[in-house]
């Protein structure tokens, strides 16, 4: 399974929901980068994604996007193949 990385904050309900979705798909480890604790990480996230909102989710080298993007990807049937490393 590819590494799942997520830029988050402590009190973000969309971050919590995205983690729940990923865990329900069998993801056991999420590399969380807390942009509220490390402001420089938010700058880096913005440079990489062009977005400033959290969560920003990466599965392997693929930028999935935020919570709504994750839900849409799952709805299209694309999440499990991505998690499987396809």
Foldseek 3Di string as FASTA:
>chain_A
DFAKEWEEADPDPQQVVQVVVVVVLPDDDYHYDYCVVPVVVLVVVCVVPVDNDDTFMDGHNDTQGTSVSQVVCVVVVNPNVSNVVD
